[in-house]
Amino acid sequence: MTQKKRGLLVLANFAFLLVLLLGLLSCGQPNNRGNNQEGDTGEKVEKSLTLNDVTLEQFREDGKLIWKVISPLAKYKDADKLALVEKPIGELFQDGVLVYKIQAKTGQLFEKSNKIILKEDVVATDVRSGAVLQGGEMEWLPGEDLLLIRDNLKGTHPQLQVTAKEARLKSRERRMELSGNVVATTASPVFQLRSENLVWQMAAQLVESTTKVQIDRYTCKTPSECTPTDRATANQGKMNLAKKTATLEKNASLDLSKPPVNVAGNLIEWNLEEKTITSDEPITIVHEQQKTIIQAQKGKLDVPTNIFYLSEGVSGSSTEGQFDLASDQMMWDITKEQIQAEGNVVYRQNNPPMTTRGKKAFGKLQDRTITFSGGEVVTDVIP
């Protein structure tokens, strides 16, 4: 007997034993119904069988195991080709390889479609990644390579903790799709992602969202212990768990506490471990306390030193419109409130009205104390 035939007989024999039992019972009962085989009421007896401490297995046509479920109490309904199980504990296979371990309070095993539905206190473990998912309901569709976890989903993993309304797992792609009030929290450093939809590519260690996303940075061990120190938002974004970087795209905005600046642009790379912020596309930096706005085509912030390195079409101005400065490159030391500008430097101020041009400039924009050097310096004073 092949493995395939043995797996199918696990369920088929239930109905066969029940037919024998019903036949024996009917022989022992007097027949008062005449020639009406169904009885005067036309009722039909449902064929079912209840078994204790049962192991159920289902196989593909090629003999590869699809699922294996152990239950202390199972009821098989022959008409529906359905087994109802209590406190099931099982294993799910894809292409003959174990991919998930499962357990719950109740379950339904479908012989024809190979589908499994579990309810109440569902726990599913992804054996390769170690991710453990809990929820109120689970559905396994092996033909679609799809595992669904619904109803108060909570997931734990060494790299990530997640909550959502639903999770859709694809074992071959090593992919988990999370939807509905998704919150994903990293272990170290502690960052929390919020979005309506997140995709976790487990093999690539990548979490990404094509919808609006918010990322908060925490200095405590868990977000419940403190408030976020930094916050980023964007229309879409992704986080590389291995490299510990976050990429923010389309209408990206990053509010930092140290230094207290806002960085905005369409593409911002946030290195969470090295504590740098980089953009190869136009960015705008606003420092409310220093009343300064600086824009550039490219820029990098070294957070520990509070220094910005800006290049290509750099322009800085006062939020009150008192001055502006343009150059090819600029280094902005936020702590010292100093700038160093190089290449085609142009400084303008309103009171007194004047314009100065040169190769290099150094000084404080807030105090309007700018010193030019390096070659010819030209100053135009407007009377």
Protein backbone atom coordinates (compact mmCIF):
# COMPACT_ATOMS: atom_id res chain seq x y z
CA MET A 1 0.00 0.00 0.00
CA THR A 2 1.47 3.38 -0.97
CA GLN A 3 1.76 6.31 1.38
CA LYS A 4 -0.94 8.15 -0.57
CA LYS A 5 -3.50 5.33 -0.16
CA ARG A 6 -2.78 4.98 3.53
CA GLY A 7 -3.36 8.70 4.10
CA LEU A 8 -6.71 8.69 2.30
CA LEU A 9 -7.88 5.61 4.17
CA VAL A 10 -7.42 7.34 7.51
CA LEU A 11 -10.61 9.24 6.80
CA ALA A 12 -12.38 6.80 4.47
CA ASN A 13 -12.45 4.00 7.05
CA PHE A 14 -14.42 6.17 9.49
CA ALA A 15 -17.48 6.15 7.25
CA PHE A 16 -17.09 2.45 6.48
CA LEU A 17 -17.12 1.51 10.19
CA LEU A 18 -20.15 3.67 10.75
CA VAL A 19 -22.11 1.96 7.98
CA LEU A 20 -21.48 -1.40 9.65
CA LEU A 21 -22.65 -0.07 13.01
CA LEU A 22 -25.83 1.37 11.54
CA GLY A 23 -26.52 -1.91 9.74
CA LEU A 24 -26.22 -3.89 12.95
CA LEU A 25 -28.50 -1.50 14.80
CA SER A 26 -31.16 -1.67 12.09
CA CYS A 27 -31.16 -5.49 12.17
CA GLY A 28 -31.95 -5.45 15.90
CA GLN A 29 -34.92 -3.06 15.55
CA PRO A 30 -38.46 -4.14 14.53
CA ASN A 31 -39.59 -2.67 11.20
CA ASN A 32 -42.94 -0.92 11.66
CA ARG A 33 -42.60 1.41 8.64
CA GLY A 34 -43.84 -0.88 5.88
CA ASN A 35 -42.13 -0.34 2.55
CA ASN A 36 -41.04 3.24 3.26
CA GLN A 37 -37.23 2.91 3.55
CA GLU A 38 -36.81 6.44 4.86
CA GLY A 39 -39.73 6.28 7.34
CA ASP A 40 -42.92 8.27 7.32
CA THR A 41 -41.17 11.51 8.19
CA GLY A 42 -38.65 11.20 5.35
CA GLU A 43 -35.73 11.71 7.76
CA LYS A 44 -32.25 10.56 6.81
CA VAL A 45 -29.61 9.40 9.26
CA GLU A 46 -26.38 11.41 9.11
CA LYS A 47 -23.34 9.19 8.91
CA SER A 48 -20.72 10.25 11.47
CA LEU A 49 -18.17 8.67 13.74
CA THR A 50 -16.47 9.89 16.90
CA LEU A 51 -12.99 8.69 17.83
CA ASN A 52 -10.66 9.31 20.75
CA ASP A 53 -6.90 9.96 20.60
CA VAL A 54 -6.71 9.99 16.82
CA THR A 55 -3.94 10.94 14.38
CA LEU A 56 -5.11 12.24 10.98
CA GLU A 57 -2.84 12.58 7.97
CA GLN A 58 -3.42 13.87 4.45
CA PHE A 59 -1.19 13.21 1.43
CA ARG A 60 -0.81 14.63 -2.05
CA GLU A 61 -1.22 12.45 -5.14
CA ASP A 62 2.56 12.14 -5.36
CA GLY A 63 2.65 10.77 -1.80
CA LYS A 64 4.04 13.87 -0.09
CA LEU A 65 2.52 14.73 3.28
CA ILE A 66 0.23 17.81 3.39
CA TRP A 67 -0.71 17.87 7.05
CA LYS A 68 -0.67 15.77 10.19
CA VAL A 69 -3.02 16.48 13.10
CA ILE A 70 -3.31 14.80 16.50
CA SER A 71 -6.53 15.23 18.51
CA PRO A 72 -7.93 13.71 21.72
CA LEU A 73 -11.44 13.82 20.22
CA ALA A 74 -12.46 13.82 16.55
CA LYS A 75 -15.81 13.53 14.80
CA TYR A 76 -15.87 12.62 11.12
CA LYS A 77 -18.83 13.58 8.90
CA ASP A 78 -18.88 11.36 5.87
CA ALA A 79 -21.34 13.45 3.82
CA ASP A 80 -19.15 16.54 4.09
CA LYS A 81 -15.81 14.68 4.09
CA LEU A 82 -15.04 16.76 7.15
CA ALA A 83 -13.36 16.01 10.49
CA LEU A 84 -14.16 18.15 13.52
CA VAL A 85 -11.33 17.99 16.06
CA GLU A 86 -10.83 19.18 19.63
CA LYS A 87 -7.55 20.59 20.91
CA PRO A 88 -5.69 19.83 17.68
CA ILE A 89 -1.90 19.82 17.54
CA GLY A 90 -0.39 19.46 14.12
CA GLU A 91 2.20 20.04 11.44
CA LEU A 92 1.73 21.62 8.01
CA PHE A 93 3.86 20.72 5.01
CA GLN A 94 4.58 22.42 1.69
CA ASP A 95 6.14 20.29 -1.06
CA GLY A 96 6.69 17.61 1.56
CA VAL A 97 8.71 19.93 3.83
CA LEU A 98 7.58 20.90 7.32
CA VAL A 99 6.85 24.66 7.35
CA TYR A 100 4.47 25.31 10.28
CA LYS A 101 3.52 23.80 13.63
CA ILE A 102 -0.03 24.56 14.81
CA GLN A 103 -2.38 24.18 17.76
CA ALA A 104 -5.80 25.51 18.85
CA LYS A 105 -8.94 24.67 20.84
CA THR A 106 -11.03 23.47 17.88
CA GLY A 107 -10.52 22.69 14.22
CA GLN A 108 -12.01 21.52 10.94
CA LEU A 109 -10.11 19.29 8.52
CA PHE A 110 -11.42 19.14 4.95
CA GLU A 111 -10.58 15.94 3.07
CA LYS A 112 -11.40 17.09 -0.47
CA SER A 113 -9.76 20.52 -0.47
CA ASN A 114 -7.02 19.67 2.10
CA LYS A 115 -7.97 22.90 3.88
CA ILE A 116 -7.68 23.30 7.65
CA ILE A 117 -9.51 25.85 9.80
CA LEU A 118 -8.56 26.32 13.46
CA LYS A 119 -10.35 28.54 15.99
CA GLU A 120 -9.75 29.87 19.52
CA ASP A 121 -6.29 30.31 21.01
CA VAL A 122 -4.60 29.59 17.70
CA VAL A 123 -0.79 29.33 17.72
CA ALA A 124 1.20 28.88 14.51
CA THR A 125 5.00 28.63 14.45
CA ASP A 126 7.07 29.20 11.33
CA VAL A 127 9.75 26.54 11.83
CA ARG A 128 12.39 28.20 9.63
CA SER A 129 12.26 31.77 10.98
CA GLY A 130 11.11 30.95 14.51
CA ALA A 131 8.22 33.44 14.24
CA VAL A 132 5.30 32.54 16.53
CA LEU A 133 1.86 33.89 15.55
CA GLN A 134 -1.20 33.91 17.79
CA GLY A 135 -4.78 34.77 16.89
CA GLY A 136 -8.43 33.81 17.08
CA GLU A 137 -8.63 31.98 13.75
CA MET A 138 -6.31 30.24 11.30
CA GLU A 139 -6.88 28.95 7.77
CA TRP A 140 -4.43 26.76 5.84
CA LEU A 141 -4.82 26.57 2.04
CA PRO A 142 -1.97 24.30 0.89
CA GLY A 143 -2.96 24.53 -2.78
CA GLU A 144 -2.36 28.29 -2.65
CA ASP A 145 0.62 28.00 -0.29
CA LEU A 146 -1.27 30.35 2.03
CA LEU A 147 -1.60 30.45 5.82
CA LEU A 148 -4.05 33.04 7.21
CA ILE A 149 -4.09 34.20 10.84
CA ARG A 150 -6.93 36.53 11.87
CA ASP A 151 -8.51 38.16 14.91
CA ASN A 152 -6.15 39.98 17.32
CA LEU A 153 -2.98 38.81 15.64
CA LYS A 154 0.19 38.91 17.76
CA GLY A 155 3.55 37.76 16.50
CA THR A 156 6.93 37.31 18.16
CA HIS A 157 10.33 36.89 16.54
CA PRO A 158 13.92 37.56 17.71
CA GLN A 159 14.07 40.59 15.38
CA LEU A 160 10.48 41.81 15.35
CA GLN A 161 7.25 41.93 17.38
CA VAL A 162 4.05 42.54 15.41
CA THR A 163 0.34 43.13 15.96
CA ALA A 164 -2.31 43.44 13.23
CA LYS A 165 -5.78 42.38 12.20
CA GLU A 166 -4.55 39.72 9.76
CA ALA A 167 -1.40 37.97 8.54
CA ARG A 168 -0.99 36.13 5.22
CA LEU A 169 2.05 33.84 5.03
CA LYS A 170 3.59 32.39 1.87
CA SER A 171 6.03 29.63 2.79
CA ARG A 172 7.76 29.31 -0.60
CA GLU A 173 8.37 33.06 -0.86
CA ARG A 174 9.20 33.37 2.87
CA ARG A 175 6.81 36.32 2.89
CA MET A 176 4.34 37.62 5.49
CA GLU A 177 1.72 40.24 4.58
CA LEU A 178 0.29 42.13 7.57
CA SER A 179 -2.82 44.31 7.30
CA GLY A 180 -5.05 46.41 9.54
CA ASN A 181 -3.54 48.67 12.23
CA VAL A 182 -0.12 47.08 11.85
CA VAL A 183 2.47 47.80 14.55
CA ALA A 184 5.96 46.29 14.18
CA THR A 185 8.62 46.82 16.86
CA THR A 186 12.30 46.00 16.42
CA ALA A 187 14.40 44.54 19.22
CA SER A 188 17.63 46.57 19.19
CA PRO A 189 17.80 49.42 18.50
CA VAL A 190 14.14 49.92 19.45
CA PHE A 191 12.07 51.31 16.56
CA GLN A 192 8.35 51.01 15.98
CA LEU A 193 6.70 50.99 12.55
CA ARG A 194 3.01 51.80 12.09
CA SER A 195 1.04 51.36 8.89
CA GLU A 196 -2.15 49.87 7.49
CA ASN A 197 -0.12 47.36 5.47
CA LEU A 198 3.34 45.88 5.91
CA VAL A 199 5.18 43.15 4.02
CA TRP A 200 7.83 41.19 5.89
CA GLN A 201 10.27 39.38 3.59
CA MET A 202 11.72 37.05 6.17
CA ALA A 203 14.65 35.64 4.18
CA ALA A 204 15.77 39.13 3.08
CA GLN A 205 15.09 40.53 6.58
CA LEU A 206 13.17 43.39 5.01
CA VAL A 207 9.97 45.09 6.20
CA GLU A 208 8.27 47.46 3.77
CA SER A 209 5.06 49.41 3.26
CA THR A 210 3.62 50.95 0.09
CA THR A 211 1.13 52.96 2.19
CA LYS A 212 1.72 55.76 4.68
CA VAL A 213 4.18 54.69 7.35
CA GLN A 214 5.37 56.12 10.66
CA ILE A 215 8.63 55.13 12.35
CA ASP A 216 9.38 56.10 15.96
CA ARG A 217 12.73 55.76 17.71
CA TYR A 218 12.90 54.90 21.44
CA THR A 219 15.81 54.99 23.87
CA CYS A 220 14.13 52.64 26.38
CA LYS A 221 13.87 48.85 26.14
CA THR A 222 10.18 48.80 25.17
CA PRO A 223 7.95 51.58 23.73
CA SER A 224 5.61 51.31 26.72
CA GLU A 225 8.36 52.63 29.03
CA CYS A 226 8.98 56.01 27.36
CA THR A 227 7.98 58.40 24.59
CA PRO A 228 9.73 58.44 21.18
CA THR A 229 12.74 60.72 20.76
CA ASP A 230 12.57 60.86 16.93
CA ARG A 231 9.72 60.37 14.48
CA ALA A 232 9.67 59.82 10.72
CA THR A 233 6.71 59.74 8.35
CA ALA A 234 6.43 59.06 4.62
CA ASN A 235 3.96 57.88 1.99
CA GLN A 236 5.94 54.66 1.78
CA GLY A 237 9.03 53.17 3.35
CA LYS A 238 11.04 50.11 4.27
CA MET A 239 13.36 48.90 7.00
CA ASN A 240 16.28 46.53 6.56
CA LEU A 241 16.45 44.54 9.80
CA ALA A 242 19.91 43.15 9.05
CA LYS A 243 21.54 46.47 8.11
CA LYS A 244 19.37 48.42 10.58
CA THR A 245 18.47 51.09 8.06
CA ALA A 246 15.15 52.76 7.21
CA THR A 247 14.37 54.21 3.79
CA LEU A 248 11.62 56.84 3.61
CA GLU A 249 10.13 57.74 0.23
CA LYS A 250 7.62 60.26 -1.10
CA ASN A 251 6.80 63.19 1.15
CA ALA A 252 9.24 62.01 3.80
CA SER A 253 9.67 63.98 7.02
CA LEU A 254 11.99 63.26 9.94
CA ASP A 255 11.74 65.11 13.27
CA LEU A 256 14.81 64.74 15.48
CA SER A 257 15.20 65.72 19.13
CA LYS A 258 19.03 65.94 19.06
CA PRO A 259 19.70 68.04 17.08
CA PRO A 260 16.20 69.60 17.14
CA VAL A 261 15.70 69.79 13.37
CA ASN A 262 13.21 68.63 10.75
CA VAL A 263 14.55 66.99 7.59
CA ALA A 264 12.14 66.70 4.66
CA GLY A 265 12.46 65.30 1.13
CA ASN A 266 11.32 62.58 -1.22
CA LEU A 267 14.07 60.10 -0.34
CA ILE A 268 15.73 59.88 3.08
CA GLU A 269 18.02 57.07 4.27
CA TRP A 270 18.11 56.70 8.06
CA ASN A 271 20.93 54.52 9.38
CA LEU A 272 19.63 53.50 12.77
CA GLU A 273 22.88 52.03 14.10
CA GLU A 274 25.45 54.45 12.67
CA LYS A 275 23.06 57.34 13.42
CA THR A 276 23.33 59.09 10.09
CA ILE A 277 20.70 60.61 7.80
CA THR A 278 21.47 60.75 4.09
CA SER A 279 19.67 61.93 0.97
CA ASP A 280 20.83 61.97 -2.66
CA GLU A 281 17.73 63.95 -3.62
CA PRO A 282 16.67 67.53 -2.70
CA ILE A 283 16.16 68.03 1.03
CA THR A 284 15.05 70.85 3.31
CA ILE A 285 16.33 71.26 6.88
CA VAL A 286 14.52 73.52 9.34
CA HIS A 287 15.96 74.55 12.71
CA GLU A 288 13.23 76.47 14.52
CA GLN A 289 15.39 77.50 17.49
CA GLN A 290 18.11 78.95 15.26
CA LYS A 291 15.48 80.33 12.85
CA THR A 292 17.33 78.82 9.90
CA ILE A 293 16.27 76.96 6.76
CA ILE A 294 18.83 75.22 4.56
CA GLN A 295 18.13 73.44 1.26
CA ALA A 296 20.40 71.33 -0.94
CA GLN A 297 20.32 68.73 -3.70
CA LYS A 298 22.23 66.29 -1.51
CA GLY A 299 22.97 66.06 2.18
CA LYS A 300 24.16 63.99 5.11
CA LEU A 301 23.73 64.50 8.85
CA ASP A 302 26.09 62.89 11.34
CA VAL A 303 23.79 62.78 14.38
CA PRO A 304 26.45 62.24 17.12
CA THR A 305 28.42 65.35 16.03
CA ASN A 306 25.36 67.37 14.92
CA ILE A 307 27.07 68.30 11.65
CA PHE A 308 25.36 68.52 8.24
CA TYR A 309 27.36 68.04 5.04
CA LEU A 310 25.48 69.60 2.09
CA SER A 311 26.29 69.81 -1.61
CA GLU A 312 24.96 70.94 -4.99
CA GLY A 313 22.85 74.07 -5.02
CA VAL A 314 23.03 74.78 -1.29
CA SER A 315 21.01 77.71 0.02
CA GLY A 316 20.45 78.90 3.56
CA SER A 317 18.14 81.61 4.81
CA SER A 318 16.58 83.09 7.91
CA THR A 319 13.01 82.12 8.72
CA GLU A 320 12.44 85.84 9.34
CA GLY A 321 13.82 86.83 5.93
CA GLN A 322 16.84 88.74 7.24
CA PHE A 323 19.51 87.02 5.10
CA ASP A 324 20.26 84.24 2.65
CA LEU A 325 23.41 82.44 1.56
CA ALA A 326 24.09 80.22 -1.46
CA SER A 327 27.09 78.00 -2.31
CA ASP A 328 28.18 74.78 -4.00
CA GLN A 329 29.01 73.06 -0.70
CA MET A 330 28.38 73.74 2.95
CA MET A 331 29.23 72.25 6.33
CA TRP A 332 26.78 73.26 9.05
CA ASP A 333 27.83 72.68 12.67
CA ILE A 334 24.50 72.94 14.48
CA THR A 335 25.97 72.84 18.00
CA LYS A 336 28.41 75.70 17.33
CA GLU A 337 25.87 77.47 15.07
CA GLN A 338 28.57 77.85 12.42
CA ILE A 339 28.74 77.31 8.67
CA GLN A 340 31.60 76.77 6.26
CA ALA A 341 30.66 77.39 2.63
CA GLU A 342 32.74 76.78 -0.50
CA GLY A 343 32.31 77.44 -4.21
CA ASN A 344 30.43 80.41 -5.67
CA VAL A 345 29.44 81.73 -2.27
CA VAL A 346 26.87 84.52 -2.31
CA TYR A 347 25.65 86.22 0.87
CA ARG A 348 22.81 88.73 0.99
CA GLN A 349 21.28 90.66 3.88
CA ASN A 350 18.53 93.25 4.20
CA ASN A 351 19.76 95.54 6.98
CA PRO A 352 21.95 97.14 5.90
CA PRO A 353 21.23 95.93 2.33
CA MET A 354 24.36 94.35 0.83
CA THR A 355 25.60 91.39 -1.24
CA THR A 356 28.99 89.70 -0.90
CA ARG A 357 30.54 87.14 -3.28
CA GLY A 358 33.61 84.93 -2.88
CA LYS A 359 35.11 81.43 -2.97
CA LYS A 360 34.84 80.60 0.74
CA ALA A 361 32.89 81.87 3.73
CA PHE A 362 32.85 81.12 7.43
CA GLY A 363 30.72 82.38 10.30
CA LYS A 364 27.37 82.38 12.04
CA LEU A 365 24.24 82.99 10.03
CA GLN A 366 22.17 83.94 13.08
CA ASP A 367 24.61 86.72 14.07
CA ARG A 368 25.18 87.65 10.41
CA THR A 369 28.93 87.54 11.04
CA ILE A 370 30.30 86.06 7.82
CA THR A 371 33.99 86.12 6.90
CA PHE A 372 35.03 85.58 3.25
CA SER A 373 38.41 84.24 2.11
CA GLY A 374 40.18 82.65 -0.82
CA GLY A 375 40.68 84.94 -3.76
CA GLU A 376 38.81 88.05 -4.76
CA VAL A 377 35.89 89.08 -2.55
CA VAL A 378 33.29 91.46 -3.97
CA THR A 379 30.80 93.34 -1.79
CA ASP A 380 27.91 95.35 -3.19
CA VAL A 381 26.34 97.85 -0.81
CA ILE A 382 22.96 99.26 -1.72
CA PRO A 383 22.60 102.81 -0.42
